[in-house]
């Protein structure tokens, strides 16, 4: 984890706005916004992170726990936070109605060169979600998955959006 001076230096190197820096400071200083819960098809738990010095929650041992292992051992990842504060997503539903709701991403990640919210989904999950809400998730011609309302929110905050597929 970065100490306060290292974090301030990192923010300066990234040319972050004061608003973007304030968002990250809030994420860094608060506990996860919710406790993960198990469901019929997932196994939840916690991982004792050496990098973060805290226990990191996961809701899926196939997706999120696998991602935690990657984040934990990736030298370009400076910090990562599970269940960061909710962000507002605004998008048009399949029926044409405007949806606006609070959404909690799986992780907020700080790398040496960027910061972003990240959602971990399987290809099957993303395909189902795209059928239900084509304006929330979509796949580009190059095969990359996107969350346009999340990307718009990230852009407004000067961050890079990311959907990770497992």
N, C-alpha and C. Protein backbone atom coordinates (compact mmCIF):
# COMPACT_ATOMS: atom_id res chain seq x y z
N UNK A 1 0.83 -1.19 0.00
CA UNK A 1 0.00 0.00 0.00
C UNK A 1 0.87 1.25 0.00
N UNK A 2 0.31 2.27 -0.59
CA UNK A 2 1.02 3.54 -0.63
C UNK A 2 0.81 4.31 0.67
N UNK A 3 1.85 4.99 1.13
CA UNK A 3 1.64 5.90 2.26
C UNK A 3 1.09 7.21 1.68
N UNK A 4 0.77 8.16 2.53
CA UNK A 4 0.13 9.40 2.06
C UNK A 4 0.99 10.16 1.07
N UNK A 5 2.29 10.25 1.33
CA UNK A 5 3.17 10.98 0.41
C UNK A 5 3.26 10.26 -0.93
N UNK A 6 3.40 8.94 -0.90
CA UNK A 6 3.45 8.17 -2.15
C UNK A 6 2.15 8.33 -2.94
N UNK A 7 1.02 8.32 -2.23
CA UNK A 7 -0.27 8.50 -2.90
C UNK A 7 -0.35 9.88 -3.53
N UNK A 8 0.04 10.92 -2.81
CA UNK A 8 0.01 12.27 -3.37
C UNK A 8 0.93 12.39 -4.58
N UNK A 9 2.11 11.77 -4.51
CA UNK A 9 3.02 11.77 -5.66
C UNK A 9 2.39 11.05 -6.85
N UNK A 10 1.75 9.91 -6.58
CA UNK A 10 1.09 9.14 -7.64
C UNK A 10 0.00 9.99 -8.30
N UNK A 11 -0.82 10.66 -7.49
CA UNK A 11 -1.89 11.52 -8.02
C UNK A 11 -1.31 12.62 -8.91
N UNK A 12 -0.21 13.21 -8.47
CA UNK A 12 0.45 14.25 -9.25
C UNK A 12 0.96 13.69 -10.58
N UNK A 13 1.58 12.51 -10.55
CA UNK A 13 2.08 11.87 -11.78
C UNK A 13 0.95 11.56 -12.76
N UNK A 14 -0.22 11.23 -12.23
CA UNK A 14 -1.37 10.89 -13.08
C UNK A 14 -2.13 12.13 -13.55
N UNK A 15 -1.75 13.30 -13.05
CA UNK A 15 -2.43 14.55 -13.38
C UNK A 15 -3.92 14.48 -13.04
N UNK A 16 -4.23 13.90 -11.89
CA UNK A 16 -5.63 13.76 -11.48
C UNK A 16 -6.20 15.10 -11.04
N UNK A 17 -7.46 15.29 -11.33
CA UNK A 17 -8.16 16.47 -10.83
C UNK A 17 -8.36 16.31 -9.32
N UNK A 18 -8.66 17.40 -8.65
CA UNK A 18 -8.94 17.32 -7.21
C UNK A 18 -10.15 16.43 -6.95
N UNK A 19 -11.14 16.49 -7.84
CA UNK A 19 -12.34 15.66 -7.67
C UNK A 19 -11.99 14.18 -7.77
N UNK A 20 -11.16 13.82 -8.75
CA UNK A 20 -10.75 12.42 -8.91
C UNK A 20 -9.94 11.96 -7.69
N UNK A 21 -9.04 12.80 -7.23
CA UNK A 21 -8.24 12.46 -6.05
C UNK A 21 -9.14 12.27 -4.83
N UNK A 22 -10.16 13.10 -4.69
CA UNK A 22 -11.08 12.98 -3.55
C UNK A 22 -11.85 11.66 -3.60
N UNK A 23 -12.23 11.23 -4.80
CA UNK A 23 -12.94 9.95 -4.94
C UNK A 23 -12.04 8.81 -4.47
N UNK A 24 -10.79 8.83 -4.92
CA UNK A 24 -9.86 7.76 -4.53
C UNK A 24 -9.59 7.82 -3.03
N UNK A 25 -9.43 9.01 -2.49
CA UNK A 25 -9.20 9.13 -1.04
C UNK A 25 -10.36 8.54 -0.26
N UNK A 26 -11.59 8.76 -0.73
CA UNK A 26 -12.75 8.18 -0.05
C UNK A 26 -12.70 6.65 -0.12
N UNK A 27 -12.39 6.11 -1.29
CA UNK A 27 -12.30 4.66 -1.44
C UNK A 27 -11.23 4.09 -0.52
N UNK A 28 -10.08 4.76 -0.47
CA UNK A 28 -8.96 4.28 0.35
C UNK A 28 -9.26 4.34 1.84
N UNK A 29 -10.12 5.26 2.25
CA UNK A 29 -10.31 5.49 3.68
C UNK A 29 -11.57 4.85 4.26
N UNK A 30 -12.36 4.19 3.42
CA UNK A 30 -13.59 3.57 3.93
C UNK A 30 -13.53 2.05 3.83
N UNK A 31 -14.33 1.41 4.64
CA UNK A 31 -14.46 -0.04 4.57
C UNK A 31 -15.27 -0.42 3.34
N UNK A 32 -15.25 -1.69 2.95
CA UNK A 32 -16.10 -2.11 1.83
C UNK A 32 -17.54 -1.65 2.05
N UNK A 33 -18.20 -1.25 0.97
CA UNK A 33 -19.54 -0.67 1.09
C UNK A 33 -20.61 -1.70 1.42
N UNK A 34 -20.30 -2.96 1.23
CA UNK A 34 -21.25 -4.01 1.58
C UNK A 34 -20.51 -5.30 1.87
N UNK A 35 -21.17 -6.18 2.60
CA UNK A 35 -20.64 -7.52 2.87
C UNK A 35 -21.06 -8.42 1.72
N UNK A 36 -20.16 -9.24 1.23
CA UNK A 36 -20.53 -10.17 0.16
C UNK A 36 -21.42 -11.27 0.74
N UNK A 37 -22.26 -11.81 -0.13
CA UNK A 37 -23.17 -12.87 0.29
C UNK A 37 -23.09 -14.04 -0.68
N UNK A 38 -23.27 -15.22 -0.15
CA UNK A 38 -23.27 -16.41 -0.98
C UNK A 38 -24.63 -16.61 -1.62
N UNK A 39 -24.64 -17.28 -2.73
CA UNK A 39 -25.87 -17.63 -3.42
C UNK A 39 -25.75 -19.08 -3.87
N UNK A 40 -26.76 -19.54 -4.55
CA UNK A 40 -26.81 -20.94 -4.94
C UNK A 40 -25.60 -21.37 -5.78
N UNK A 41 -25.15 -20.51 -6.66
CA UNK A 41 -24.10 -20.90 -7.59
C UNK A 41 -22.75 -20.24 -7.33
N UNK A 42 -22.55 -19.66 -6.15
CA UNK A 42 -21.25 -19.06 -5.90
C UNK A 42 -20.78 -19.37 -4.48
N UNK A 43 -19.48 -19.29 -4.32
CA UNK A 43 -18.85 -19.51 -3.02
C UNK A 43 -18.17 -18.21 -2.63
N UNK A 44 -18.60 -17.63 -1.52
CA UNK A 44 -17.98 -16.37 -1.09
C UNK A 44 -17.00 -16.64 0.05
N UNK A 45 -16.13 -15.69 0.28
CA UNK A 45 -15.16 -15.83 1.34
C UNK A 45 -14.29 -14.60 1.44
N UNK A 46 -13.16 -14.76 2.09
CA UNK A 46 -12.23 -13.64 2.24
C UNK A 46 -10.80 -14.13 2.06
N UNK A 47 -9.98 -13.24 1.54
CA UNK A 47 -8.58 -13.55 1.23
C UNK A 47 -7.69 -12.61 2.05
N UNK A 48 -6.75 -13.16 2.83
CA UNK A 48 -5.86 -12.30 3.62
C UNK A 48 -4.76 -11.70 2.74
N UNK A 49 -4.94 -10.46 2.33
CA UNK A 49 -4.03 -9.81 1.39
C UNK A 49 -2.79 -9.28 2.09
N UNK A 50 -1.65 -9.74 1.64
CA UNK A 50 -0.38 -9.19 2.14
C UNK A 50 -0.16 -7.80 1.55
N UNK A 51 -0.53 -7.64 0.29
CA UNK A 51 -0.33 -6.36 -0.38
C UNK A 51 -1.12 -5.25 0.31
N UNK A 52 -2.37 -5.55 0.67
CA UNK A 52 -3.24 -4.53 1.25
C UNK A 52 -3.22 -4.51 2.77
N UNK A 53 -2.78 -5.58 3.39
CA UNK A 53 -2.75 -5.63 4.85
C UNK A 53 -4.12 -5.79 5.49
N UNK A 54 -5.10 -6.19 4.69
CA UNK A 54 -6.47 -6.42 5.17
C UNK A 54 -7.01 -7.68 4.49
N UNK A 55 -8.19 -8.08 4.92
CA UNK A 55 -8.87 -9.20 4.29
C UNK A 55 -9.74 -8.67 3.16
N UNK A 56 -9.62 -9.27 1.98
CA UNK A 56 -10.37 -8.87 0.80
C UNK A 56 -11.50 -9.87 0.57
N UNK A 57 -12.73 -9.37 0.40
CA UNK A 57 -13.89 -10.24 0.19
C UNK A 57 -14.01 -10.66 -1.27
N UNK A 58 -14.59 -11.83 -1.49
CA UNK A 58 -14.93 -12.26 -2.84
C UNK A 58 -16.26 -12.99 -2.82
N UNK A 59 -17.02 -12.86 -3.93
CA UNK A 59 -18.32 -13.52 -4.05
C UNK A 59 -18.27 -14.72 -4.98
N UNK A 60 -17.16 -14.93 -5.62
CA UNK A 60 -17.02 -16.04 -6.54
C UNK A 60 -15.59 -16.55 -6.47
N UNK A 61 -15.44 -17.82 -6.15
CA UNK A 61 -14.07 -18.35 -6.08
C UNK A 61 -13.50 -18.60 -7.47
N UNK A 62 -14.35 -18.65 -8.49
CA UNK A 62 -13.85 -18.81 -9.86
C UNK A 62 -13.44 -17.48 -10.48
N UNK A 63 -14.24 -16.45 -10.28
CA UNK A 63 -13.96 -15.16 -10.90
C UNK A 63 -13.18 -14.23 -9.98
N UNK A 64 -13.82 -13.82 -8.91
CA UNK A 64 -13.23 -12.78 -8.07
C UNK A 64 -12.00 -13.27 -7.31
N UNK A 65 -12.02 -14.47 -6.78
CA UNK A 65 -10.84 -14.97 -6.07
C UNK A 65 -9.67 -15.13 -7.04
N UNK A 66 -9.95 -15.63 -8.23
CA UNK A 66 -8.89 -15.74 -9.24
C UNK A 66 -8.31 -14.36 -9.56
N UNK A 67 -9.18 -13.37 -9.64
CA UNK A 67 -8.72 -12.01 -9.91
C UNK A 67 -7.90 -11.46 -8.74
N UNK A 68 -8.31 -11.77 -7.52
CA UNK A 68 -7.55 -11.33 -6.35
C UNK A 68 -6.13 -11.89 -6.41
N UNK A 69 -5.98 -13.16 -6.76
CA UNK A 69 -4.64 -13.75 -6.89
C UNK A 69 -3.80 -12.96 -7.90
N UNK A 70 -4.41 -12.60 -9.03
CA UNK A 70 -3.69 -11.82 -10.03
C UNK A 70 -3.29 -10.45 -9.49
N UNK A 71 -4.24 -9.77 -8.87
CA UNK A 71 -3.96 -8.43 -8.33
C UNK A 71 -2.89 -8.47 -7.25
N UNK A 72 -2.96 -9.48 -6.43
CA UNK A 72 -2.02 -9.63 -5.32
C UNK A 72 -0.58 -9.79 -5.81
N UNK A 73 -0.40 -10.44 -6.95
CA UNK A 73 0.95 -10.75 -7.43
C UNK A 73 1.40 -9.91 -8.62
N UNK A 74 0.57 -8.98 -9.06
CA UNK A 74 0.92 -8.11 -10.18
C UNK A 74 1.68 -6.89 -9.64
N UNK A 75 2.96 -6.73 -10.01
CA UNK A 75 3.74 -5.61 -9.48
C UNK A 75 3.24 -4.24 -9.94
N UNK A 76 2.46 -4.19 -11.02
CA UNK A 76 1.93 -2.89 -11.47
C UNK A 76 0.69 -2.47 -10.68
N UNK A 77 0.14 -3.37 -9.88
CA UNK A 77 -1.01 -3.04 -9.02
C UNK A 77 -0.47 -2.53 -7.69
N UNK A 78 -0.75 -1.28 -7.39
CA UNK A 78 -0.27 -0.67 -6.15
C UNK A 78 -1.23 -0.95 -5.00
N UNK A 79 -2.54 -0.85 -5.29
CA UNK A 79 -3.58 -1.09 -4.28
C UNK A 79 -4.82 -1.60 -4.99
N UNK A 80 -5.65 -2.34 -4.25
CA UNK A 80 -6.96 -2.73 -4.78
C UNK A 80 -7.93 -2.87 -3.62
N UNK A 81 -9.17 -2.49 -3.88
CA UNK A 81 -10.20 -2.44 -2.85
C UNK A 81 -11.43 -3.21 -3.31
N UNK A 82 -11.96 -4.06 -2.42
CA UNK A 82 -13.18 -4.79 -2.75
C UNK A 82 -14.40 -3.96 -2.34
N UNK A 83 -15.47 -4.12 -3.11
CA UNK A 83 -16.76 -3.49 -2.83
C UNK A 83 -16.61 -2.00 -2.51
N UNK A 84 -16.03 -1.22 -3.46
CA UNK A 84 -15.87 0.22 -3.21
C UNK A 84 -17.24 0.91 -3.12
N UNK A 85 -17.27 2.15 -2.66
CA UNK A 85 -18.55 2.86 -2.59
C UNK A 85 -19.30 2.79 -3.93
N UNK A 86 -20.61 2.72 -3.84
CA UNK A 86 -21.45 2.59 -5.03
C UNK A 86 -21.30 3.80 -5.95
N UNK A 87 -21.46 3.54 -7.24
CA UNK A 87 -21.48 4.60 -8.24
C UNK A 87 -22.86 4.59 -8.91
N UNK A 88 -23.23 5.70 -9.51
CA UNK A 88 -24.54 5.76 -10.16
C UNK A 88 -24.41 5.43 -11.64
N UNK A 89 -25.19 4.45 -12.08
CA UNK A 89 -25.25 4.09 -13.48
C UNK A 89 -26.57 4.60 -14.05
N UNK A 90 -26.49 5.20 -15.23
CA UNK A 90 -27.67 5.71 -15.92
C UNK A 90 -27.64 5.15 -17.34
N UNK A 91 -28.70 4.44 -17.72
CA UNK A 91 -28.77 3.87 -19.06
C UNK A 91 -30.22 3.58 -19.42
N UNK A 92 -30.46 3.42 -20.71
CA UNK A 92 -31.80 3.13 -21.19
C UNK A 92 -32.03 1.62 -21.17
N UNK A 93 -33.16 1.21 -20.61
CA UNK A 93 -33.49 -0.22 -20.55
C UNK A 93 -33.88 -0.72 -21.94
N UNK A 94 -34.03 -2.02 -22.05
CA UNK A 94 -34.43 -2.64 -23.31
C UNK A 94 -35.79 -2.10 -23.77
N UNK A 95 -36.66 -1.77 -22.81
CA UNK A 95 -38.00 -1.26 -23.14
C UNK A 95 -38.00 0.24 -23.43
N UNK A 96 -36.85 0.90 -23.28
CA UNK A 96 -36.76 2.33 -23.56
C UNK A 96 -36.85 3.23 -22.35
N UNK A 97 -37.08 2.65 -21.20
CA UNK A 97 -37.18 3.43 -19.96
C UNK A 97 -35.77 3.77 -19.46
N UNK A 98 -35.61 4.95 -18.88
CA UNK A 98 -34.30 5.31 -18.33
C UNK A 98 -34.11 4.66 -16.96
N UNK A 99 -33.04 3.91 -16.82
CA UNK A 99 -32.68 3.29 -15.53
C UNK A 99 -31.61 4.16 -14.87
N UNK A 100 -31.76 4.34 -13.58
CA UNK A 100 -30.77 5.09 -12.80
C UNK A 100 -30.69 4.38 -11.45
N UNK A 101 -29.53 3.84 -11.13
CA UNK A 101 -29.41 3.15 -9.85
C UNK A 101 -27.97 3.14 -9.35
N UNK A 102 -27.83 2.87 -8.07
CA UNK A 102 -26.52 2.77 -7.44
C UNK A 102 -25.98 1.36 -7.68
N UNK A 103 -24.71 1.28 -8.02
CA UNK A 103 -24.10 0.00 -8.34
C UNK A 103 -22.74 -0.11 -7.65
N UNK A 104 -22.49 -1.26 -7.05
CA UNK A 104 -21.20 -1.51 -6.39
C UNK A 104 -20.36 -2.42 -7.28
N UNK A 105 -19.21 -1.92 -7.71
CA UNK A 105 -18.29 -2.72 -8.52
C UNK A 105 -17.61 -3.76 -7.64
N UNK A 106 -17.00 -4.75 -8.27
CA UNK A 106 -16.28 -5.76 -7.51
C UNK A 106 -15.01 -5.19 -6.89
N UNK A 107 -14.30 -4.36 -7.65
CA UNK A 107 -13.02 -3.82 -7.17
C UNK A 107 -12.81 -2.39 -7.66
N UNK A 108 -11.98 -1.67 -6.93
CA UNK A 108 -11.37 -0.44 -7.42
C UNK A 108 -9.88 -0.69 -7.36
N UNK A 109 -9.20 -0.48 -8.49
CA UNK A 109 -7.79 -0.85 -8.62
C UNK A 109 -6.95 0.39 -8.92
N UNK A 110 -5.84 0.50 -8.22
CA UNK A 110 -4.86 1.56 -8.48
C UNK A 110 -3.60 0.89 -9.01
N UNK A 111 -3.28 1.20 -10.25
CA UNK A 111 -2.06 0.68 -10.90
C UNK A 111 -1.03 1.80 -10.96
N UNK A 112 0.15 1.45 -11.39
CA UNK A 112 1.21 2.45 -11.51
C UNK A 112 0.82 3.57 -12.48
N UNK A 113 -0.05 3.26 -13.46
CA UNK A 113 -0.39 4.24 -14.50
C UNK A 113 -1.88 4.57 -14.63
N UNK A 114 -2.73 4.05 -13.74
CA UNK A 114 -4.17 4.29 -13.88
C UNK A 114 -4.91 3.88 -12.61
N UNK A 115 -6.19 4.25 -12.59
CA UNK A 115 -7.09 3.82 -11.52
C UNK A 115 -8.45 3.55 -12.15
N UNK A 116 -9.13 2.50 -11.69
CA UNK A 116 -10.39 2.15 -12.33
C UNK A 116 -11.23 1.22 -11.47
N UNK A 117 -12.55 1.25 -11.73
CA UNK A 117 -13.47 0.28 -11.16
C UNK A 117 -13.44 -0.94 -12.06
N UNK A 118 -13.61 -2.11 -11.46
CA UNK A 118 -13.57 -3.34 -12.25
C UNK A 118 -14.68 -4.28 -11.83
N UNK A 119 -15.29 -4.90 -12.81
CA UNK A 119 -16.34 -5.89 -12.60
C UNK A 119 -15.85 -7.21 -13.19
N UNK A 120 -15.97 -8.29 -12.45
CA UNK A 120 -15.53 -9.61 -12.91
C UNK A 120 -16.75 -10.45 -13.25
N UNK A 121 -16.88 -10.81 -14.51
CA UNK A 121 -18.00 -11.62 -14.98
C UNK A 121 -17.48 -12.70 -15.93
N UNK A 122 -18.23 -13.79 -16.01
CA UNK A 122 -17.91 -14.81 -17.01
C UNK A 122 -18.53 -14.39 -18.35
N UNK A 123 -18.07 -14.99 -19.41
CA UNK A 123 -18.63 -14.73 -20.73
C UNK A 123 -20.13 -15.05 -20.74
N UNK A 124 -20.49 -16.15 -20.11
CA UNK A 124 -21.90 -16.55 -20.03
C UNK A 124 -22.73 -15.49 -19.30
N UNK A 125 -22.23 -15.01 -18.17
CA UNK A 125 -22.94 -13.96 -17.42
C UNK A 125 -23.09 -12.69 -18.26
N UNK A 126 -22.01 -12.31 -18.93
CA UNK A 126 -22.06 -11.09 -19.74
C UNK A 126 -23.04 -11.23 -20.90
N UNK A 127 -23.07 -12.41 -21.53
CA UNK A 127 -24.03 -12.63 -22.61
C UNK A 127 -25.47 -12.52 -22.11
N UNK A 128 -25.76 -13.11 -20.95
CA UNK A 128 -27.11 -13.03 -20.37
C UNK A 128 -27.46 -11.59 -20.00
N UNK A 129 -26.52 -10.89 -19.38
CA UNK A 129 -26.76 -9.49 -19.01
C UNK A 129 -26.98 -8.61 -20.23
N UNK A 130 -26.28 -8.90 -21.31
CA UNK A 130 -26.44 -8.13 -22.55
C UNK A 130 -27.82 -8.35 -23.14
N UNK A 131 -28.32 -9.57 -23.06
CA UNK A 131 -29.68 -9.84 -23.55
C UNK A 131 -30.71 -9.05 -22.75
N UNK A 132 -30.53 -9.01 -21.43
CA UNK A 132 -31.48 -8.30 -20.56
C UNK A 132 -31.39 -6.79 -20.70
N UNK A 133 -30.17 -6.28 -20.76
CA UNK A 133 -29.93 -4.83 -20.81
C UNK A 133 -28.80 -4.53 -21.79
N UNK A 134 -29.11 -4.47 -23.09
CA UNK A 134 -28.06 -4.25 -24.09
C UNK A 134 -27.35 -2.90 -23.97
N UNK A 135 -27.95 -1.96 -23.25
CA UNK A 135 -27.29 -0.66 -23.06
C UNK A 135 -26.43 -0.61 -21.81
N UNK A 136 -26.44 -1.68 -21.03
CA UNK A 136 -25.60 -1.72 -19.84
C UNK A 136 -24.28 -2.45 -20.12
N UNK A 137 -24.35 -3.58 -20.78
CA UNK A 137 -23.15 -4.32 -21.18
C UNK A 137 -23.22 -4.58 -22.67
N UNK A 138 -22.07 -4.53 -23.34
CA UNK A 138 -22.02 -4.84 -24.76
C UNK A 138 -20.61 -5.30 -25.12
N UNK A 139 -20.54 -6.01 -26.22
CA UNK A 139 -19.26 -6.52 -26.70
C UNK A 139 -18.90 -5.79 -27.99
N UNK A 140 -17.71 -5.25 -28.05
CA UNK A 140 -17.28 -4.51 -29.23
C UNK A 140 -16.81 -5.50 -30.31
N UNK A 141 -16.68 -5.04 -31.55
CA UNK A 141 -16.24 -5.93 -32.63
C UNK A 141 -14.88 -6.58 -32.38
N UNK A 142 -14.04 -5.94 -31.57
CA UNK A 142 -12.72 -6.53 -31.27
C UNK A 142 -12.78 -7.56 -30.15
N UNK A 143 -14.01 -7.86 -29.65
CA UNK A 143 -14.18 -8.90 -28.64
C UNK A 143 -14.07 -8.43 -27.21
N UNK A 144 -13.88 -7.14 -27.00
CA UNK A 144 -13.77 -6.62 -25.62
C UNK A 144 -15.16 -6.26 -25.09
N UNK A 145 -15.36 -6.52 -23.81
CA UNK A 145 -16.62 -6.20 -23.17
C UNK A 145 -16.59 -4.79 -22.61
N UNK A 146 -17.75 -4.13 -22.64
CA UNK A 146 -17.88 -2.76 -22.17
C UNK A 146 -19.14 -2.61 -21.33
N UNK A 147 -19.09 -1.65 -20.44
CA UNK A 147 -20.25 -1.22 -19.67
C UNK A 147 -20.38 0.28 -19.93
N UNK A 148 -21.10 0.66 -21.01
CA UNK A 148 -21.16 2.08 -21.38
C UNK A 148 -21.56 3.03 -20.25
N UNK A 149 -22.57 2.70 -19.41
CA UNK A 149 -22.87 3.65 -18.33
C UNK A 149 -21.74 3.74 -17.30
N UNK A 150 -21.05 2.63 -17.06
CA UNK A 150 -19.90 2.65 -16.16
C UNK A 150 -18.74 3.43 -16.76
N UNK A 151 -18.55 3.27 -18.06
CA UNK A 151 -17.49 4.00 -18.75
C UNK A 151 -17.76 5.50 -18.73
N UNK A 152 -19.03 5.86 -18.90
CA UNK A 152 -19.39 7.28 -18.86
C UNK A 152 -19.13 7.86 -17.47
N UNK A 153 -19.53 7.13 -16.44
CA UNK A 153 -19.27 7.59 -15.06
C UNK A 153 -17.77 7.72 -14.83
N UNK A 154 -17.01 6.74 -15.27
CA UNK A 154 -15.55 6.77 -15.09
C UNK A 154 -14.94 7.97 -15.82
N UNK A 155 -15.38 8.22 -17.04
CA UNK A 155 -14.86 9.36 -17.80
C UNK A 155 -15.15 10.68 -17.07
N UNK A 156 -16.36 10.80 -16.53
CA UNK A 156 -16.71 12.02 -15.80
C UNK A 156 -15.82 12.22 -14.58
N UNK A 157 -15.29 11.13 -14.05
CA UNK A 157 -14.41 11.19 -12.86
C UNK A 157 -12.93 11.13 -13.23
N UNK A 158 -12.60 11.14 -14.52
CA UNK A 158 -11.21 11.06 -15.00
C UNK A 158 -10.56 9.71 -14.75
N UNK A 159 -11.33 8.63 -14.81
CA UNK A 159 -10.79 7.29 -14.61
C UNK A 159 -11.00 6.43 -15.85
N UNK A 160 -10.32 5.30 -15.86
CA UNK A 160 -10.45 4.32 -16.92
C UNK A 160 -11.42 3.23 -16.47
N UNK A 161 -12.44 2.91 -17.27
CA UNK A 161 -13.35 1.82 -16.89
C UNK A 161 -12.79 0.47 -17.32
N UNK A 162 -13.29 -0.58 -16.71
CA UNK A 162 -12.80 -1.91 -17.07
C UNK A 162 -13.82 -2.98 -16.69
N UNK A 163 -14.09 -3.89 -17.61
CA UNK A 163 -14.87 -5.09 -17.33
C UNK A 163 -13.94 -6.25 -17.60
N UNK A 164 -13.70 -7.07 -16.59
CA UNK A 164 -12.82 -8.21 -16.76
C UNK A 164 -13.65 -9.46 -16.96
N UNK A 165 -13.34 -10.20 -18.02
CA UNK A 165 -14.06 -11.43 -18.33
C UNK A 165 -13.20 -12.62 -17.94
N UNK A 166 -13.82 -13.59 -17.27
CA UNK A 166 -13.12 -14.82 -16.92
C UNK A 166 -13.80 -15.99 -17.59
